[in-house]
Protein backbone atom coordinates (compact mmCIF):
# COMPACT_ATOMS: atom_id res chain seq x y z
CA UNK A 1 10.07 14.41 -36.44
CA UNK A 2 9.97 12.39 -33.22
CA UNK A 3 12.67 12.96 -30.64
CA UNK A 4 13.24 9.33 -29.67
CA UNK A 5 15.71 10.15 -26.90
CA UNK A 6 13.14 12.35 -25.14
CA UNK A 7 10.54 9.61 -25.60
CA UNK A 8 12.93 7.08 -24.05
CA UNK A 9 13.66 9.38 -21.10
CA UNK A 10 9.95 9.86 -20.39
CA UNK A 11 9.31 6.12 -20.69
CA UNK A 12 12.15 5.15 -18.34
CA UNK A 13 11.27 7.81 -15.76
CA UNK A 14 7.58 6.81 -15.78
CA UNK A 15 8.51 3.15 -15.39
CA UNK A 16 10.91 3.93 -12.54
CA UNK A 17 8.32 6.10 -10.79
CA UNK A 18 5.71 3.34 -11.07
CA UNK A 19 8.15 0.81 -9.61
CA UNK A 20 8.98 3.14 -6.73
CA UNK A 21 5.34 3.90 -5.87
CA UNK A 22 4.20 0.28 -6.05
CA UNK A 23 7.30 -0.90 -4.20
CA UNK A 24 6.82 1.58 -1.37
CA UNK A 25 3.16 0.67 -1.03
CA UNK A 26 3.88 -3.07 -1.01
CA UNK A 27 6.69 -2.63 1.52
CA UNK A 28 4.40 -0.52 3.71
CA UNK A 29 1.72 -3.23 3.67
CA UNK A 30 4.29 -5.90 4.47
CA UNK A 31 5.63 -3.87 7.39
CA UNK A 32 2.10 -3.34 8.70
CA UNK A 33 1.50 -7.07 8.68
CA UNK A 34 4.86 -7.64 10.38
CA UNK A 35 3.92 -5.10 13.03
CA UNK A 36 0.75 -7.05 13.78
CA UNK A 37 -1.74 -4.82 12.02
CA UNK A 38 -3.01 -7.06 9.27
CA UNK A 39 -5.36 -5.02 7.08
CA UNK A 40 -8.73 -6.77 7.02
CA UNK A 41 -11.33 -5.00 4.96
CA UNK A 42 -14.93 -5.87 5.74
CA UNK A 43 -16.88 -6.93 2.67
CA UNK A 44 -19.05 -4.33 1.02
CA UNK A 45 -22.73 -5.01 1.22
CA UNK A 46 -24.93 -4.16 -1.72
CA UNK A 47 -28.61 -4.66 -2.00
CA UNK A 48 -29.64 -7.36 -4.47
CA UNK A 49 -26.05 -8.46 -5.04
CA UNK A 50 -24.03 -11.56 -4.33
CA UNK A 51 -22.33 -11.46 -0.94
CA UNK A 52 -18.59 -11.29 -1.39
CA UNK A 53 -17.81 -12.94 1.94
CA UNK A 54 -20.23 -14.71 4.23
CA UNK A 55 -20.48 -13.70 7.88
CA UNK A 56 -19.03 -17.04 8.99
CA UNK A 57 -16.08 -16.68 6.62
CA UNK A 58 -15.48 -13.12 7.83
CA UNK A 59 -15.43 -14.27 11.46
CA UNK A 60 -12.97 -17.04 10.58
CA UNK A 61 -10.75 -14.51 8.85
CA UNK A 62 -10.86 -12.19 11.88
CA UNK A 63 -9.89 -15.10 14.16
CA UNK A 64 -7.01 -15.97 11.83
CA UNK A 65 -5.77 -12.38 11.94
CA UNK A 66 -6.01 -12.30 15.75
CA UNK A 67 -4.13 -15.60 16.01
CA UNK A 68 -1.38 -14.35 13.71
CA UNK A 69 -1.14 -11.17 15.77
CA UNK A 70 -0.69 -13.16 18.99
CA UNK A 71 2.00 -15.35 17.42
CA UNK A 72 4.10 -12.36 16.35
CA UNK A 73 7.69 -12.97 17.57
CA UNK A 74 8.60 -9.28 17.58
CA UNK A 75 9.08 -7.28 20.75
CA UNK A 76 6.84 -4.26 21.32
CA UNK A 77 9.67 -1.91 20.34
CA UNK A 78 10.22 -3.81 17.09
CA UNK A 79 6.51 -3.64 16.34
CA UNK A 80 6.53 0.12 16.83
CA UNK A 81 9.58 0.42 14.57
CA UNK A 82 7.93 -1.70 11.87
CA UNK A 83 4.70 0.30 12.11
CA UNK A 84 6.62 3.59 11.90
CA UNK A 85 8.56 2.35 8.87
CA UNK A 86 5.27 1.28 7.25
CA UNK A 87 3.80 4.73 7.74
CA UNK A 88 7.01 6.27 6.37
CA UNK A 89 6.62 4.09 3.25
CA UNK A 90 3.04 5.29 2.82
CA UNK A 91 4.15 8.91 3.22
CA UNK A 92 6.89 8.35 0.63
CA UNK A 93 4.34 6.81 -1.72
CA UNK A 94 1.99 9.77 -1.27
CA UNK A 95 4.87 12.22 -1.76
CA UNK A 96 5.86 10.54 -5.03
CA UNK A 97 2.28 10.72 -6.29
CA UNK A 98 1.92 14.37 -5.28
CA UNK A 99 5.23 15.23 -6.93
CA UNK A 100 4.04 13.55 -10.12
CA UNK A 101 0.87 15.64 -10.03
CA UNK A 102 2.99 18.74 -9.43
CA UNK A 103 5.06 17.94 -12.51
CA UNK A 104 2.00 17.32 -14.68
CA UNK A 105 -0.15 20.33 -13.73
CA UNK A 106 1.38 23.58 -15.06
CA UNK A 107 -0.69 25.71 -12.66
CA UNK A 108 1.57 24.60 -9.78
CA UNK A 109 4.80 25.81 -11.41
């Protein structure tokens, strides 16, 4: 016989944990951009593969990021606060993931 209440509890807690982890990560990225540290990932280069981003397009993107950084209306103290809050969000995200692993792996209990 299936215990539907237990199933519902697991489903709701998993959904809530997913929302928290994704929300913290998204908020951390947003705060990083607000602080002036827009994450720009260089395209991966593979042999015999289609280039994801051309060199010219990459340079344009870097210039756009630099321009957005210069136009940031925040004071230096506000930038530091936003960057610190972003890192705190990432730490919270990592802590939630590690706690989930702790709950799943019986060796850690």
